[in-house]
Amino acid sequence: MAFFDLKNGMAGEILQKFSNYRVRLAIVGDFSAYTGKSITDFMYESNQGKQVNFLKSLEEALGKLSIG
């Protein structure tokens, strides 16, 4: 998926918009297919904050988004 190819800048550009407008976002899915260092580091760093998170389940996403 083009979104997860960090070289094209799509992910950064889209996620920056969410951050600029302070809209929290949870991206839910199985990310095990994305094993490159850049993308795994990107997801790890995103998950350290509250703005954008990559999570494995809807339950995790709802829990993360409900925490103020």
N, C-alpha and C. Protein backbone atom coordinates (compact mmCIF):
# COMPACT_ATOMS: atom_id res chain seq x y z
N MET A 1 0.85 -1.18 0.00
CA MET A 1 0.00 0.00 0.00
C MET A 1 0.89 1.24 0.00
N ALA A 2 0.58 2.18 -0.84
CA ALA A 2 1.40 3.38 -1.01
C ALA A 2 1.54 4.19 0.28
N PHE A 3 0.52 4.17 1.10
CA PHE A 3 0.56 4.93 2.35
C PHE A 3 1.76 4.54 3.21
N PHE A 4 2.09 3.25 3.24
CA PHE A 4 3.15 2.76 4.10
C PHE A 4 4.53 2.83 3.45
N ASP A 5 4.62 3.35 2.24
CA ASP A 5 5.91 3.58 1.59
C ASP A 5 6.34 5.00 1.95
N LEU A 6 7.20 5.11 2.95
CA LEU A 6 7.55 6.43 3.47
C LEU A 6 8.31 7.29 2.46
N LYS A 7 8.89 6.69 1.47
CA LYS A 7 9.65 7.44 0.47
C LYS A 7 8.79 8.40 -0.32
N ASN A 8 7.52 8.06 -0.52
CA ASN A 8 6.67 8.94 -1.33
C ASN A 8 6.07 10.09 -0.52
N GLY A 9 6.21 10.08 0.79
CA GLY A 9 5.78 11.18 1.63
C GLY A 9 4.29 11.24 1.94
N MET A 10 3.53 10.30 1.41
CA MET A 10 2.07 10.34 1.60
C MET A 10 1.69 10.23 3.08
N ALA A 11 2.26 9.27 3.78
CA ALA A 11 1.92 9.08 5.19
C ALA A 11 2.24 10.32 6.01
N GLY A 12 3.43 10.83 5.83
CA GLY A 12 3.83 12.02 6.58
C GLY A 12 2.94 13.21 6.31
N GLU A 13 2.60 13.40 5.06
CA GLU A 13 1.75 14.53 4.68
C GLU A 13 0.35 14.41 5.28
N ILE A 14 -0.23 13.24 5.18
CA ILE A 14 -1.58 13.03 5.71
C ILE A 14 -1.59 13.14 7.23
N LEU A 15 -0.65 12.46 7.87
CA LEU A 15 -0.63 12.46 9.33
C LEU A 15 -0.29 13.84 9.89
N GLN A 16 0.49 14.62 9.15
CA GLN A 16 0.79 15.98 9.59
C GLN A 16 -0.47 16.83 9.64
N LYS A 17 -1.38 16.62 8.69
CA LYS A 17 -2.65 17.35 8.70
C LYS A 17 -3.45 17.05 9.96
N PHE A 18 -3.51 15.77 10.34
CA PHE A 18 -4.21 15.41 11.57
C PHE A 18 -3.56 16.09 12.77
N SER A 19 -2.24 16.09 12.80
CA SER A 19 -1.52 16.72 13.92
C SER A 19 -1.74 18.23 13.94
N ASN A 20 -1.67 18.86 12.78
CA ASN A 20 -1.84 20.31 12.72
C ASN A 20 -3.19 20.75 13.26
N TYR A 21 -4.22 19.96 12.99
CA TYR A 21 -5.57 20.30 13.44
C TYR A 21 -5.93 19.62 14.76
N ARG A 22 -4.94 18.98 15.37
CA ARG A 22 -5.09 18.31 16.67
C ARG A 22 -6.25 17.30 16.67
N VAL A 23 -6.34 16.56 15.57
CA VAL A 23 -7.33 15.49 15.45
C VAL A 23 -6.62 14.18 15.72
N ARG A 24 -7.10 13.46 16.71
CA ARG A 24 -6.48 12.18 17.05
C ARG A 24 -6.93 11.12 16.06
N LEU A 25 -6.00 10.23 15.75
CA LEU A 25 -6.25 9.22 14.73
C LEU A 25 -5.70 7.88 15.19
N ALA A 26 -6.51 6.85 15.05
CA ALA A 26 -6.07 5.48 15.32
C ALA A 26 -6.20 4.70 14.01
N ILE A 27 -5.11 4.13 13.58
CA ILE A 27 -5.09 3.31 12.38
C ILE A 27 -5.05 1.86 12.84
N VAL A 28 -6.06 1.10 12.48
CA VAL A 28 -6.21 -0.27 12.98
C VAL A 28 -5.88 -1.26 11.87
N GLY A 29 -5.08 -2.25 12.23
CA GLY A 29 -4.77 -3.28 11.24
C GLY A 29 -3.67 -4.21 11.69
N ASP A 30 -3.34 -5.13 10.82
CA ASP A 30 -2.23 -6.06 11.03
C ASP A 30 -1.05 -5.48 10.27
N PHE A 31 -0.09 -4.96 10.97
CA PHE A 31 1.05 -4.29 10.37
C PHE A 31 2.27 -5.18 10.28
N SER A 32 2.09 -6.47 10.53
CA SER A 32 3.23 -7.40 10.55
C SER A 32 3.90 -7.53 9.18
N ALA A 33 3.21 -7.20 8.11
CA ALA A 33 3.80 -7.28 6.77
C ALA A 33 4.81 -6.16 6.53
N TYR A 34 4.75 -5.12 7.34
CA TYR A 34 5.63 -3.97 7.18
C TYR A 34 6.80 -4.12 8.13
N THR A 35 7.89 -4.66 7.62
CA THR A 35 9.02 -5.01 8.47
C THR A 35 10.24 -4.11 8.28
N GLY A 36 10.15 -3.16 7.38
CA GLY A 36 11.28 -2.26 7.16
C GLY A 36 11.54 -1.40 8.37
N LYS A 37 12.81 -1.06 8.58
CA LYS A 37 13.19 -0.27 9.74
C LYS A 37 12.50 1.08 9.77
N SER A 38 12.44 1.74 8.63
CA SER A 38 11.84 3.09 8.59
C SER A 38 10.38 3.07 9.01
N ILE A 39 9.60 2.16 8.45
CA ILE A 39 8.16 2.13 8.77
C ILE A 39 7.92 1.64 10.19
N THR A 40 8.68 0.66 10.65
CA THR A 40 8.47 0.19 12.02
C THR A 40 8.88 1.27 13.02
N ASP A 41 9.95 2.00 12.73
CA ASP A 41 10.35 3.12 13.59
C ASP A 41 9.28 4.21 13.58
N PHE A 42 8.74 4.48 12.40
CA PHE A 42 7.70 5.49 12.25
C PHE A 42 6.47 5.13 13.10
N MET A 43 6.04 3.87 13.00
CA MET A 43 4.87 3.45 13.78
C MET A 43 5.17 3.46 15.27
N TYR A 44 6.37 3.03 15.64
CA TYR A 44 6.76 3.04 17.06
C TYR A 44 6.72 4.47 17.61
N GLU A 45 7.35 5.39 16.91
CA GLU A 45 7.39 6.78 17.37
C GLU A 45 5.98 7.38 17.43
N SER A 46 5.15 7.08 16.45
CA SER A 46 3.78 7.58 16.46
C SER A 46 3.04 7.06 17.68
N ASN A 47 3.25 5.81 18.02
CA ASN A 47 2.56 5.21 19.16
C ASN A 47 3.02 5.74 20.51
N GLN A 48 4.14 6.45 20.53
CA GLN A 48 4.61 7.04 21.79
C GLN A 48 3.82 8.28 22.16
N GLY A 49 3.17 8.87 21.19
CA GLY A 49 2.37 10.07 21.43
C GLY A 49 0.89 9.75 21.51
N LYS A 50 0.09 10.79 21.51
CA LYS A 50 -1.35 10.63 21.61
C LYS A 50 -2.07 10.99 20.32
N GLN A 51 -1.38 11.60 19.36
CA GLN A 51 -2.04 12.12 18.18
C GLN A 51 -2.38 11.05 17.16
N VAL A 52 -1.41 10.22 16.79
CA VAL A 52 -1.59 9.19 15.77
C VAL A 52 -1.06 7.88 16.32
N ASN A 53 -1.89 6.85 16.28
CA ASN A 53 -1.49 5.55 16.80
C ASN A 53 -1.83 4.44 15.81
N PHE A 54 -0.95 3.47 15.72
CA PHE A 54 -1.14 2.27 14.90
C PHE A 54 -1.44 1.13 15.86
N LEU A 55 -2.65 0.59 15.80
CA LEU A 55 -3.09 -0.41 16.77
C LEU A 55 -3.63 -1.65 16.07
N LYS A 56 -3.63 -2.76 16.81
CA LYS A 56 -4.00 -4.05 16.24
C LYS A 56 -5.49 -4.35 16.26
N SER A 57 -6.24 -3.66 17.11
CA SER A 57 -7.66 -3.99 17.20
C SER A 57 -8.50 -2.73 17.42
N LEU A 58 -9.77 -2.86 17.10
CA LEU A 58 -10.70 -1.77 17.32
C LEU A 58 -10.81 -1.46 18.81
N GLU A 59 -10.77 -2.48 19.64
CA GLU A 59 -10.86 -2.28 21.09
C GLU A 59 -9.69 -1.44 21.59
N GLU A 60 -8.48 -1.77 21.11
CA GLU A 60 -7.30 -0.98 21.49
C GLU A 60 -7.45 0.46 21.03
N ALA A 61 -7.93 0.64 19.81
CA ALA A 61 -8.10 1.98 19.26
C ALA A 61 -9.10 2.80 20.06
N LEU A 62 -10.23 2.21 20.37
CA LEU A 62 -11.24 2.93 21.16
C LEU A 62 -10.70 3.27 22.54
N GLY A 63 -9.96 2.35 23.13
CA GLY A 63 -9.37 2.60 24.44
C GLY A 63 -8.37 3.74 24.38
N LYS A 64 -7.52 3.75 23.37
CA LYS A 64 -6.51 4.79 23.23
C LYS A 64 -7.16 6.14 22.95
N LEU A 65 -8.17 6.17 22.10
CA LEU A 65 -8.82 7.44 21.76
C LEU A 65 -9.66 7.99 22.90
N SER A 66 -10.13 7.12 23.78
CA SER A 66 -10.98 7.59 24.89
C SER A 66 -10.16 8.16 26.04
N ILE A 67 -8.85 7.93 26.03
CA ILE A 67 -7.98 8.48 27.07
C ILE A 67 -7.65 9.92 26.68
N GLY A 68 -8.06 10.85 27.51
CA GLY A 68 -7.92 12.27 27.23
C GLY A 68 -6.54 12.73 27.21
